[in-house]
Amino acid sequence: MLLLILVLSVGLSAEPFYDKGSQTFSFTLGTTVPTFVHFFSTNETRVGLGVDNTGMKIGGYGAISYQAFTSPYSAIGGEIGYNFNYVVDGNLYTAVPFFFKYSYLPVQGTIDLPISVGLGFVYNSGGANTSIMTLYSNIELGLTYFPGEHWGFGVRTGLWLIPELNYRKELFGDNALAGFVPITLSVSYRQ
């Protein structure tokens, strides 16, 4: 904790590394932990892994993202990814999020500490005839270390919120909000 406070205080007093127009590309790979599912029809919230909880196991995630700086401390861009989690009944749950991303970097240079929010859409599939396009949002915290000027390596985590909003009346009882916690590693290139 003391190290984080020290890094933040040094970073906030330093000159910004990025200029308007600077760009970053990131490749992300890691795992996702299903955290909760809230069903709207019954007002029931299931928390945790397994049969009696979210019904899903820990899964995997891969993504590519691009951002351009609009000021020395903030960047906008987007990300597209692929997530999978096995469901306890043997089916495969997949999510393909594609979203706009805003990042604020209070600490930057050799170490970047981005705070990001994303908003967009996700293609969900839970097996045969259960595909749906719905909304997607996230908040993400990261730490990226740049040993040189261009390439960096980092870790990221946050919270994804994925509502399942069925359009057919007979499926309204399945409407829910799912939360996932990603834990990922990233490789970033900046210019």
N, C-alpha and C. Protein backbone atom coordinates (compact mmCIF):
# COMPACT_ATOMS: atom_id res chain seq x y z
N MET A 1 0.82 -1.19 0.00
CA MET A 1 0.00 0.00 0.00
C MET A 1 0.87 1.26 0.00
N LEU A 2 1.93 1.22 0.79
CA LEU A 2 2.84 2.36 0.86
C LEU A 2 3.51 2.59 -0.49
N LEU A 3 3.85 1.48 -1.16
CA LEU A 3 4.47 1.58 -2.48
C LEU A 3 3.52 2.24 -3.47
N LEU A 4 2.23 1.87 -3.44
CA LEU A 4 1.23 2.47 -4.33
C LEU A 4 1.10 3.97 -4.08
N ILE A 5 1.06 4.38 -2.81
CA ILE A 5 0.97 5.80 -2.47
C ILE A 5 2.20 6.54 -2.97
N LEU A 6 3.38 5.94 -2.82
CA LEU A 6 4.61 6.56 -3.30
C LEU A 6 4.61 6.72 -4.81
N VAL A 7 4.22 5.66 -5.53
CA VAL A 7 4.17 5.72 -7.00
C VAL A 7 3.18 6.78 -7.47
N LEU A 8 2.00 6.83 -6.84
CA LEU A 8 1.00 7.82 -7.22
C LEU A 8 1.48 9.25 -6.96
N SER A 9 2.12 9.48 -5.81
CA SER A 9 2.56 10.84 -5.50
C SER A 9 3.68 11.29 -6.43
N VAL A 10 4.60 10.39 -6.78
CA VAL A 10 5.67 10.73 -7.72
C VAL A 10 5.09 10.96 -9.10
N GLY A 11 4.15 10.08 -9.51
CA GLY A 11 3.55 10.19 -10.84
C GLY A 11 2.73 11.45 -11.02
N LEU A 12 2.00 11.85 -10.00
CA LEU A 12 1.15 13.03 -10.11
C LEU A 12 1.95 14.32 -10.17
N SER A 13 3.18 14.28 -9.67
CA SER A 13 3.99 15.49 -9.70
C SER A 13 4.93 15.53 -10.90
N ALA A 14 4.98 14.46 -11.69
CA ALA A 14 5.89 14.39 -12.83
C ALA A 14 5.25 15.01 -14.07
N GLU A 15 6.11 15.34 -15.03
CA GLU A 15 5.64 15.83 -16.32
C GLU A 15 4.93 14.71 -17.06
N PRO A 16 3.88 15.01 -17.82
CA PRO A 16 3.19 13.94 -18.56
C PRO A 16 4.10 13.36 -19.64
N PHE A 17 3.99 12.06 -19.86
CA PHE A 17 4.76 11.37 -20.88
C PHE A 17 4.09 11.49 -22.25
N TYR A 18 2.76 11.45 -22.27
CA TYR A 18 2.01 11.41 -23.53
C TYR A 18 1.64 12.82 -24.00
N ASP A 19 1.52 12.94 -25.32
CA ASP A 19 1.03 14.16 -25.96
C ASP A 19 -0.30 13.85 -26.62
N LYS A 20 -1.05 14.89 -26.93
CA LYS A 20 -2.26 14.70 -27.72
C LYS A 20 -1.86 14.04 -29.03
N GLY A 21 -2.54 12.95 -29.38
CA GLY A 21 -2.21 12.21 -30.60
C GLY A 21 -1.36 10.97 -30.36
N SER A 22 -0.76 10.82 -29.17
CA SER A 22 -0.03 9.59 -28.86
C SER A 22 -1.00 8.41 -28.93
N GLN A 23 -0.47 7.22 -29.25
CA GLN A 23 -1.32 6.05 -29.44
C GLN A 23 -0.76 4.85 -28.69
N THR A 24 -1.66 3.95 -28.28
CA THR A 24 -1.24 2.69 -27.67
C THR A 24 -2.05 1.54 -28.28
N PHE A 25 -1.37 0.42 -28.49
CA PHE A 25 -1.99 -0.83 -28.92
C PHE A 25 -1.71 -1.84 -27.81
N SER A 26 -2.71 -2.61 -27.44
CA SER A 26 -2.50 -3.60 -26.37
C SER A 26 -3.09 -4.94 -26.77
N PHE A 27 -2.39 -5.99 -26.39
CA PHE A 27 -2.83 -7.36 -26.57
C PHE A 27 -2.98 -7.95 -25.17
N THR A 28 -4.15 -8.51 -24.88
CA THR A 28 -4.48 -8.95 -23.53
C THR A 28 -4.84 -10.42 -23.54
N LEU A 29 -4.39 -11.13 -22.50
CA LEU A 29 -4.70 -12.55 -22.34
C LEU A 29 -4.80 -12.84 -20.86
N GLY A 30 -5.83 -13.59 -20.46
CA GLY A 30 -5.96 -13.91 -19.05
C GLY A 30 -7.18 -14.72 -18.74
N THR A 31 -7.67 -14.57 -17.53
CA THR A 31 -8.79 -15.36 -17.05
C THR A 31 -9.92 -14.45 -16.59
N THR A 32 -11.12 -15.01 -16.54
CA THR A 32 -12.27 -14.27 -16.02
C THR A 32 -12.95 -15.11 -14.94
N VAL A 33 -13.32 -14.45 -13.87
CA VAL A 33 -13.97 -15.12 -12.75
C VAL A 33 -15.43 -14.67 -12.71
N PRO A 34 -16.39 -15.58 -12.94
CA PRO A 34 -17.80 -15.21 -12.80
C PRO A 34 -18.07 -14.87 -11.33
N THR A 35 -18.55 -13.67 -11.06
CA THR A 35 -18.67 -13.19 -9.69
C THR A 35 -20.10 -13.24 -9.17
N PHE A 36 -21.05 -12.80 -9.99
CA PHE A 36 -22.45 -12.83 -9.56
C PHE A 36 -23.36 -12.85 -10.77
N VAL A 37 -24.60 -13.32 -10.54
CA VAL A 37 -25.69 -13.23 -11.50
C VAL A 37 -26.92 -12.78 -10.72
N HIS A 38 -27.54 -11.69 -11.17
CA HIS A 38 -28.76 -11.19 -10.54
C HIS A 38 -29.91 -11.38 -11.52
N PHE A 39 -30.95 -12.15 -11.10
CA PHE A 39 -32.12 -12.39 -11.93
C PHE A 39 -33.18 -11.35 -11.59
N PHE A 40 -33.65 -10.63 -12.61
CA PHE A 40 -34.61 -9.54 -12.40
C PHE A 40 -35.99 -10.05 -12.00
N SER A 41 -36.44 -11.18 -12.58
CA SER A 41 -37.81 -11.65 -12.33
C SER A 41 -38.01 -12.11 -10.90
N THR A 42 -37.00 -12.68 -10.27
CA THR A 42 -37.14 -13.18 -8.90
C THR A 42 -36.39 -12.33 -7.88
N ASN A 43 -35.66 -11.33 -8.35
CA ASN A 43 -34.83 -10.47 -7.50
C ASN A 43 -33.82 -11.30 -6.70
N GLU A 44 -33.35 -12.38 -7.30
CA GLU A 44 -32.39 -13.28 -6.67
C GLU A 44 -30.98 -13.00 -7.21
N THR A 45 -30.01 -12.95 -6.31
CA THR A 45 -28.62 -12.77 -6.70
C THR A 45 -27.82 -13.99 -6.27
N ARG A 46 -27.13 -14.60 -7.22
CA ARG A 46 -26.27 -15.74 -6.93
C ARG A 46 -24.82 -15.27 -7.04
N VAL A 47 -24.04 -15.58 -6.00
CA VAL A 47 -22.66 -15.10 -5.92
C VAL A 47 -21.72 -16.30 -5.84
N GLY A 48 -20.62 -16.24 -6.60
CA GLY A 48 -19.59 -17.27 -6.53
C GLY A 48 -19.66 -18.28 -7.65
N LEU A 49 -18.67 -19.16 -7.64
CA LEU A 49 -18.54 -20.19 -8.67
C LEU A 49 -19.38 -21.41 -8.32
N GLY A 50 -19.73 -22.20 -9.33
CA GLY A 50 -20.32 -23.50 -9.09
C GLY A 50 -21.80 -23.61 -9.36
N VAL A 51 -22.30 -24.83 -9.09
CA VAL A 51 -23.65 -25.21 -9.44
C VAL A 51 -24.71 -24.32 -8.79
N ASP A 52 -24.62 -24.10 -7.50
CA ASP A 52 -25.65 -23.34 -6.79
C ASP A 52 -25.42 -21.84 -6.81
N ASN A 53 -24.40 -21.40 -7.50
CA ASN A 53 -24.08 -19.97 -7.52
C ASN A 53 -24.26 -19.44 -8.94
N THR A 54 -23.20 -18.95 -9.57
CA THR A 54 -23.35 -18.42 -10.93
C THR A 54 -23.56 -19.52 -11.96
N GLY A 55 -23.22 -20.75 -11.60
CA GLY A 55 -23.36 -21.86 -12.54
C GLY A 55 -22.22 -21.94 -13.54
N MET A 56 -21.19 -21.12 -13.37
CA MET A 56 -20.07 -21.10 -14.31
C MET A 56 -18.75 -21.33 -13.59
N LYS A 57 -17.78 -21.76 -14.39
CA LYS A 57 -16.43 -21.97 -13.90
C LYS A 57 -15.54 -20.82 -14.38
N ILE A 58 -14.34 -20.74 -13.84
CA ILE A 58 -13.37 -19.74 -14.29
C ILE A 58 -13.09 -19.97 -15.76
N GLY A 59 -12.98 -18.88 -16.52
CA GLY A 59 -12.79 -18.98 -17.96
C GLY A 59 -11.58 -18.22 -18.43
N GLY A 60 -11.53 -17.95 -19.74
CA GLY A 60 -10.40 -17.26 -20.34
C GLY A 60 -10.84 -16.09 -21.18
N TYR A 61 -9.90 -15.17 -21.41
CA TYR A 61 -10.20 -13.96 -22.18
C TYR A 61 -8.97 -13.55 -22.98
N GLY A 62 -9.21 -13.12 -24.20
CA GLY A 62 -8.18 -12.53 -25.05
C GLY A 62 -8.75 -11.34 -25.77
N ALA A 63 -7.94 -10.30 -25.98
CA ALA A 63 -8.46 -9.08 -26.61
C ALA A 63 -7.34 -8.29 -27.25
N ILE A 64 -7.75 -7.38 -28.11
CA ILE A 64 -6.86 -6.39 -28.70
C ILE A 64 -7.55 -5.03 -28.53
N SER A 65 -6.76 -4.02 -28.17
CA SER A 65 -7.34 -2.69 -27.99
C SER A 65 -6.44 -1.62 -28.59
N TYR A 66 -7.04 -0.51 -28.89
CA TYR A 66 -6.34 0.65 -29.46
C TYR A 66 -6.89 1.89 -28.77
N GLN A 67 -5.98 2.81 -28.42
CA GLN A 67 -6.40 4.09 -27.86
C GLN A 67 -5.50 5.21 -28.37
N ALA A 68 -6.12 6.39 -28.55
CA ALA A 68 -5.39 7.59 -28.94
C ALA A 68 -5.63 8.65 -27.87
N PHE A 69 -4.58 9.38 -27.53
CA PHE A 69 -4.67 10.38 -26.47
C PHE A 69 -5.32 11.66 -27.00
N THR A 70 -6.31 12.14 -26.26
CA THR A 70 -6.98 13.40 -26.58
C THR A 70 -6.41 14.54 -25.76
N SER A 71 -5.65 14.21 -24.74
CA SER A 71 -4.92 15.16 -23.90
C SER A 71 -3.76 14.38 -23.28
N PRO A 72 -2.84 15.03 -22.59
CA PRO A 72 -1.71 14.28 -22.00
C PRO A 72 -2.13 13.22 -20.98
N TYR A 73 -3.33 13.33 -20.42
CA TYR A 73 -3.75 12.39 -19.38
C TYR A 73 -4.93 11.50 -19.74
N SER A 74 -5.57 11.70 -20.88
CA SER A 74 -6.74 10.89 -21.20
C SER A 74 -6.68 10.40 -22.65
N ALA A 75 -7.26 9.20 -22.85
CA ALA A 75 -7.25 8.56 -24.17
C ALA A 75 -8.61 7.93 -24.42
N ILE A 76 -8.99 7.86 -25.70
CA ILE A 76 -10.21 7.17 -26.11
C ILE A 76 -9.84 6.15 -27.17
N GLY A 77 -10.65 5.13 -27.28
CA GLY A 77 -10.41 4.10 -28.28
C GLY A 77 -11.44 2.99 -28.14
N GLY A 78 -10.99 1.77 -28.38
CA GLY A 78 -11.91 0.66 -28.32
C GLY A 78 -11.19 -0.65 -28.09
N GLU A 79 -11.98 -1.67 -27.82
CA GLU A 79 -11.45 -3.01 -27.58
C GLU A 79 -12.42 -4.04 -28.12
N ILE A 80 -11.89 -5.12 -28.65
CA ILE A 80 -12.69 -6.28 -29.04
C ILE A 80 -12.02 -7.50 -28.44
N GLY A 81 -12.83 -8.38 -27.89
CA GLY A 81 -12.27 -9.54 -27.21
C GLY A 81 -13.11 -10.77 -27.39
N TYR A 82 -12.64 -11.85 -26.79
CA TYR A 82 -13.36 -13.13 -26.77
C TYR A 82 -13.20 -13.73 -25.38
N ASN A 83 -14.33 -14.04 -24.76
CA ASN A 83 -14.34 -14.63 -23.42
C ASN A 83 -15.08 -15.96 -23.48
N PHE A 84 -14.62 -16.94 -22.69
CA PHE A 84 -15.35 -18.20 -22.55
C PHE A 84 -15.31 -18.66 -21.10
N ASN A 85 -16.40 -19.26 -20.69
CA ASN A 85 -16.52 -19.89 -19.37
C ASN A 85 -17.33 -21.16 -19.55
N TYR A 86 -16.86 -22.26 -18.98
CA TYR A 86 -17.66 -23.47 -19.01
C TYR A 86 -18.75 -23.39 -17.96
N VAL A 87 -19.94 -23.80 -18.36
CA VAL A 87 -21.07 -23.84 -17.46
C VAL A 87 -21.09 -25.22 -16.83
N VAL A 88 -21.58 -25.33 -15.59
CA VAL A 88 -21.53 -26.61 -14.88
C VAL A 88 -22.33 -27.71 -15.57
N ASP A 89 -23.28 -27.36 -16.44
CA ASP A 89 -24.03 -28.39 -17.16
C ASP A 89 -23.30 -28.88 -18.41
N GLY A 90 -22.06 -28.40 -18.63
CA GLY A 90 -21.25 -28.87 -19.75
C GLY A 90 -21.27 -27.96 -20.97
N ASN A 91 -22.20 -27.01 -21.03
CA ASN A 91 -22.23 -26.08 -22.15
C ASN A 91 -21.11 -25.05 -22.02
N LEU A 92 -20.85 -24.38 -23.11
CA LEU A 92 -19.83 -23.34 -23.14
C LEU A 92 -20.51 -21.98 -23.27
N TYR A 93 -20.25 -21.09 -22.32
CA TYR A 93 -20.74 -19.72 -22.41
C TYR A 93 -19.64 -18.90 -23.07
N THR A 94 -19.99 -18.17 -24.13
CA THR A 94 -19.02 -17.29 -24.78
C THR A 94 -19.59 -15.87 -24.83
N ALA A 95 -18.69 -14.93 -24.76
CA ALA A 95 -19.05 -13.52 -24.87
C ALA A 95 -18.00 -12.84 -25.75
N VAL A 96 -18.47 -12.09 -26.72
CA VAL A 96 -17.58 -11.35 -27.61
C VAL A 96 -17.90 -9.86 -27.41
N PRO A 97 -17.18 -9.21 -26.47
CA PRO A 97 -17.44 -7.79 -26.24
C PRO A 97 -16.70 -6.92 -27.26
N PHE A 98 -17.35 -5.88 -27.70
CA PHE A 98 -16.72 -4.83 -28.51
C PHE A 98 -17.27 -3.52 -27.99
N PHE A 99 -16.35 -2.64 -27.58
CA PHE A 99 -16.80 -1.47 -26.84
C PHE A 99 -15.84 -0.30 -27.00
N PHE A 100 -16.39 0.90 -26.75
CA PHE A 100 -15.59 2.12 -26.68
C PHE A 100 -14.96 2.18 -25.30
N LYS A 101 -13.75 2.75 -25.24
CA LYS A 101 -13.00 2.75 -24.00
C LYS A 101 -12.42 4.15 -23.76
N TYR A 102 -12.59 4.64 -22.53
CA TYR A 102 -11.98 5.90 -22.11
C TYR A 102 -11.02 5.58 -20.97
N SER A 103 -9.80 6.12 -21.05
CA SER A 103 -8.81 5.89 -20.01
C SER A 103 -8.25 7.21 -19.50
N TYR A 104 -8.04 7.25 -18.20
CA TYR A 104 -7.38 8.36 -17.54
C TYR A 104 -6.10 7.80 -16.91
N LEU A 105 -4.96 8.44 -17.16
CA LEU A 105 -3.67 7.96 -16.67
C LEU A 105 -3.05 8.99 -15.73
N PRO A 106 -3.33 8.91 -14.43
CA PRO A 106 -2.75 9.87 -13.49
C PRO A 106 -1.25 9.66 -13.31
N VAL A 107 -0.77 8.43 -13.54
CA VAL A 107 0.66 8.10 -13.46
C VAL A 107 1.04 7.54 -14.82
N GLN A 108 2.14 8.05 -15.39
CA GLN A 108 2.55 7.61 -16.73
C GLN A 108 4.04 7.82 -16.93
N GLY A 109 4.58 7.07 -17.87
CA GLY A 109 6.00 7.13 -18.17
C GLY A 109 6.57 5.73 -18.15
N THR A 110 7.51 5.46 -17.25
CA THR A 110 8.04 4.11 -17.10
C THR A 110 6.96 3.18 -16.57
N ILE A 111 6.12 3.69 -15.68
CA ILE A 111 4.97 2.95 -15.16
C ILE A 111 3.71 3.73 -15.50
N ASP A 112 2.76 3.05 -16.16
CA ASP A 112 1.45 3.64 -16.43
C ASP A 112 0.43 3.00 -15.50
N LEU A 113 -0.43 3.81 -14.93
CA LEU A 113 -1.55 3.32 -14.12
C LEU A 113 -2.86 3.82 -14.73
N PRO A 114 -3.38 3.11 -15.75
CA PRO A 114 -4.62 3.55 -16.38
C PRO A 114 -5.85 3.15 -15.57
N ILE A 115 -6.80 4.07 -15.53
CA ILE A 115 -8.13 3.82 -14.98
C ILE A 115 -9.08 3.96 -16.17
N SER A 116 -9.78 2.89 -16.52
CA SER A 116 -10.57 2.88 -17.75
C SER A 116 -12.02 2.50 -17.50
N VAL A 117 -12.89 3.04 -18.34
CA VAL A 117 -14.29 2.62 -18.38
C VAL A 117 -14.62 2.29 -19.83
N GLY A 118 -15.48 1.29 -19.99
CA GLY A 118 -15.88 0.88 -21.33
C GLY A 118 -17.39 0.77 -21.42
N LEU A 119 -17.91 1.03 -22.61
CA LEU A 119 -19.34 0.93 -22.87
C LEU A 119 -19.53 0.48 -24.31
N GLY A 120 -20.35 -0.55 -24.49
CA GLY A 120 -20.58 -1.04 -25.84
C GLY A 120 -21.57 -2.19 -25.84
N PHE A 121 -21.24 -3.19 -26.65
CA PHE A 121 -22.13 -4.33 -26.85
C PHE A 121 -21.35 -5.62 -26.68
N VAL A 122 -22.10 -6.70 -26.47
CA VAL A 122 -21.50 -8.02 -26.35
C VAL A 122 -22.42 -9.03 -27.04
N TYR A 123 -21.81 -9.94 -27.77
CA TYR A 123 -22.54 -11.07 -28.35
C TYR A 123 -22.38 -12.23 -27.38
N ASN A 124 -23.48 -12.67 -26.78
CA ASN A 124 -23.48 -13.76 -25.81
C ASN A 124 -24.02 -15.02 -26.45
N SER A 125 -23.42 -16.15 -26.12
CA SER A 125 -23.93 -17.43 -26.56
C SER A 125 -23.74 -18.44 -25.44
N GLY A 126 -24.80 -19.18 -25.15
CA GLY A 126 -24.74 -20.17 -24.09
C GLY A 126 -25.04 -21.57 -24.58
N GLY A 127 -24.96 -21.80 -25.86
CA GLY A 127 -25.28 -23.10 -26.43
C GLY A 127 -26.23 -22.93 -27.60
N ALA A 128 -26.88 -24.01 -27.98
CA ALA A 128 -27.78 -24.00 -29.13
C ALA A 128 -28.97 -23.07 -28.89
N ASN A 129 -29.22 -22.20 -29.84
CA ASN A 129 -30.37 -21.29 -29.84
C ASN A 129 -30.43 -20.37 -28.63
N THR A 130 -29.30 -20.02 -28.06
CA THR A 130 -29.31 -19.11 -26.91
C THR A 130 -28.40 -17.90 -27.14
N SER A 131 -28.26 -17.49 -28.36
CA SER A 131 -27.42 -16.33 -28.68
C SER A 131 -28.22 -15.05 -28.57
N ILE A 132 -27.54 -13.99 -28.10
CA ILE A 132 -28.19 -12.70 -27.95
C ILE A 132 -27.14 -11.59 -28.01
N MET A 133 -27.50 -10.49 -28.60
CA MET A 133 -26.67 -9.29 -28.59
C MET A 133 -27.24 -8.36 -27.53
N THR A 134 -26.38 -7.92 -26.60
CA THR A 134 -26.86 -7.09 -25.50
C THR A 134 -25.82 -6.04 -25.14
N LEU A 135 -26.09 -5.26 -24.12
CA LEU A 135 -25.21 -4.18 -23.69
C LEU A 135 -24.02 -4.74 -22.91
N TYR A 136 -22.99 -3.90 -22.77
CA TYR A 136 -21.79 -4.29 -22.03
C TYR A 136 -21.18 -3.04 -21.42
N SER A 137 -20.69 -3.15 -20.19
CA SER A 137 -19.93 -2.05 -19.59
C SER A 137 -18.87 -2.63 -18.67
N ASN A 138 -17.82 -1.86 -18.45
CA ASN A 138 -16.77 -2.32 -17.54
C ASN A 138 -16.05 -1.13 -16.91
N ILE A 139 -15.33 -1.44 -15.86
CA ILE A 139 -14.37 -0.52 -15.26
C ILE A 139 -13.11 -1.34 -15.06
N GLU A 140 -11.96 -0.72 -15.31
CA GLU A 140 -10.71 -1.47 -15.31
C GLU A 140 -9.59 -0.64 -14.69
N LEU A 141 -8.75 -1.31 -13.93
CA LEU A 141 -7.55 -0.72 -13.36
C LEU A 141 -6.36 -1.51 -13.87
N GLY A 142 -5.29 -0.82 -14.20
CA GLY A 142 -4.13 -1.53 -14.73
C GLY A 142 -2.82 -0.95 -14.23
N LEU A 143 -1.79 -1.71 -14.46
CA LEU A 143 -0.42 -1.28 -14.18
C LEU A 143 0.43 -1.83 -15.31
N THR A 144 1.10 -0.95 -16.04
CA THR A 144 1.95 -1.36 -17.15
C THR A 144 3.35 -0.81 -16.91
N TYR A 145 4.34 -1.70 -17.04
CA TYR A 145 5.74 -1.32 -16.89
C TYR A 145 6.38 -1.28 -18.27
N PHE A 146 7.00 -0.16 -18.61
CA PHE A 146 7.69 0.03 -19.88
C PHE A 146 9.19 0.05 -19.63
N PRO A 147 9.90 -1.07 -19.87
CA PRO A 147 11.35 -1.07 -19.67
C PRO A 147 12.07 -0.23 -20.72
N GLY A 148 11.44 -0.04 -21.87
CA GLY A 148 11.98 0.81 -22.93
C GLY A 148 10.95 1.86 -23.29
N GLU A 149 11.19 2.55 -24.39
CA GLU A 149 10.29 3.63 -24.77
C GLU A 149 8.96 3.14 -25.32
N HIS A 150 8.95 2.01 -26.05
CA HIS A 150 7.74 1.61 -26.78
C HIS A 150 6.99 0.42 -26.21
N TRP A 151 7.66 -0.64 -25.79
CA TRP A 151 6.99 -1.87 -25.37
C TRP A 151 6.84 -1.93 -23.87
N GLY A 152 5.65 -2.38 -23.42
CA GLY A 152 5.39 -2.52 -22.00
C GLY A 152 4.63 -3.79 -21.68
N PHE A 153 4.72 -4.20 -20.43
CA PHE A 153 4.06 -5.42 -19.94
C PHE A 153 3.25 -5.05 -18.71
N GLY A 154 2.02 -5.57 -18.64
CA GLY A 154 1.19 -5.15 -17.53
C GLY A 154 0.22 -6.19 -17.02
N VAL A 155 -0.50 -5.79 -15.98
CA VAL A 155 -1.59 -6.57 -15.40
C VAL A 155 -2.82 -5.67 -15.32
N ARG A 156 -3.98 -6.28 -15.45
CA ARG A 156 -5.23 -5.53 -15.39
C ARG A 156 -6.29 -6.33 -14.66
N THR A 157 -7.18 -5.63 -14.02
CA THR A 157 -8.35 -6.24 -13.40
C THR A 157 -9.47 -5.22 -13.39
N GLY A 158 -10.64 -5.64 -13.01
CA GLY A 158 -11.77 -4.71 -12.98
C GLY A 158 -13.06 -5.44 -12.75
N LEU A 159 -14.12 -4.92 -13.32
CA LEU A 159 -15.45 -5.53 -13.21
C LEU A 159 -16.19 -5.33 -14.52
N TRP A 160 -16.70 -6.43 -15.07
CA TRP A 160 -17.56 -6.38 -16.24
C TRP A 160 -19.00 -6.52 -15.79
N LEU A 161 -19.90 -5.78 -16.40
CA LEU A 161 -21.33 -5.92 -16.19
C LEU A 161 -21.98 -6.24 -17.52
N ILE A 162 -22.62 -7.42 -17.59
CA ILE A 162 -23.23 -7.88 -18.83
C ILE A 162 -24.70 -8.21 -18.55
N PRO A 163 -25.62 -7.36 -18.98
CA PRO A 163 -27.04 -7.69 -18.81
C PRO A 163 -27.49 -8.64 -19.91
N GLU A 164 -28.29 -9.61 -19.54
CA GLU A 164 -28.94 -10.46 -20.54
C GLU A 164 -30.38 -10.00 -20.62
N LEU A 165 -30.69 -9.29 -21.69
CA LEU A 165 -32.02 -8.73 -21.87
C LEU A 165 -32.66 -9.41 -23.07
N ASN A 166 -33.46 -10.42 -22.79
CA ASN A 166 -34.11 -11.19 -23.86
C ASN A 166 -35.23 -10.38 -24.48
N TYR A 167 -35.39 -10.54 -25.78
CA TYR A 167 -36.38 -9.78 -26.53
C TYR A 167 -37.69 -10.54 -26.70
N ARG A 168 -37.64 -11.87 -26.52
CA ARG A 168 -38.85 -12.68 -26.66
C ARG A 168 -39.54 -12.81 -25.31
N LYS A 169 -40.87 -12.65 -25.32
CA LYS A 169 -41.64 -12.63 -24.08
C LYS A 169 -41.47 -13.91 -23.26
N GLU A 170 -41.38 -15.04 -23.93
CA GLU A 170 -41.26 -16.31 -23.20
C GLU A 170 -39.92 -16.46 -22.48
N LEU A 171 -38.96 -15.59 -22.78
CA LEU A 171 -37.65 -15.64 -22.13
C LEU A 171 -37.42 -14.50 -21.13
N PHE A 172 -38.44 -13.66 -20.89
CA PHE A 172 -38.28 -12.54 -19.96
C PHE A 172 -37.84 -13.00 -18.57
N GLY A 173 -38.27 -14.19 -18.15
CA GLY A 173 -37.89 -14.72 -16.84
C GLY A 173 -36.41 -15.00 -16.71
N ASP A 174 -35.71 -15.09 -17.84
CA ASP A 174 -34.26 -15.34 -17.85
C ASP A 174 -33.44 -14.06 -17.82
N ASN A 175 -34.09 -12.90 -17.89
CA ASN A 175 -33.34 -11.64 -17.89
C ASN A 175 -32.53 -11.50 -16.61
N ALA A 176 -31.25 -11.15 -16.78
CA ALA A 176 -30.35 -11.12 -15.63
C ALA A 176 -29.21 -10.14 -15.89
N LEU A 177 -28.45 -9.87 -14.85
CA LEU A 177 -27.23 -9.08 -14.93
C LEU A 177 -26.10 -9.94 -14.37
N ALA A 178 -25.07 -10.14 -15.19
CA ALA A 178 -23.93 -10.95 -14.77
C ALA A 178 -22.72 -10.06 -14.54
N GLY A 179 -21.93 -10.40 -13.54
CA GLY A 179 -20.70 -9.68 -13.24
C GLY A 179 -19.51 -10.62 -13.31
N PHE A 180 -18.46 -10.18 -13.96
CA PHE A 180 -17.23 -10.95 -14.10
C PHE A 180 -16.05 -10.09 -13.65
N VAL A 181 -15.04 -10.72 -13.07
CA VAL A 181 -13.80 -10.04 -12.71
C VAL A 181 -12.70 -10.62 -13.59
N PRO A 182 -12.16 -9.82 -14.52
CA PRO A 182 -11.04 -10.30 -15.33
C PRO A 182 -9.72 -10.11 -14.58
N ILE A 183 -8.81 -11.03 -14.79
CA ILE A 183 -7.44 -10.91 -14.28
C ILE A 183 -6.55 -11.25 -15.46
N THR A 184 -5.94 -10.22 -16.05
CA THR A 184 -5.26 -10.42 -17.32
C THR A 184 -3.84 -9.86 -17.31
N LEU A 185 -3.07 -10.36 -18.25
CA LEU A 185 -1.74 -9.84 -18.56
C LEU A 185 -1.83 -9.14 -19.90
N SER A 186 -1.01 -8.12 -20.10
CA SER A 186 -1.07 -7.39 -21.37
C SER A 186 0.33 -7.06 -21.86
N VAL A 187 0.42 -6.94 -23.18
CA VAL A 187 1.60 -6.43 -23.86
C VAL A 187 1.14 -5.21 -24.61
N SER A 188 1.80 -4.08 -24.40
CA SER A 188 1.39 -2.83 -25.01
C SER A 188 2.53 -2.22 -25.83
N TYR A 189 2.12 -1.58 -26.92
CA TYR A 189 3.07 -0.83 -27.75
C TYR A 189 2.55 0.60 -27.80
N ARG A 190 3.42 1.56 -27.54
CA ARG A 190 3.01 2.96 -27.59
C ARG A 190 3.91 3.73 -28.55
N GLN A 191 3.30 4.75 -29.18
CA GLN A 191 4.07 5.62 -30.07
C GLN A 191 3.59 7.04 -29.96
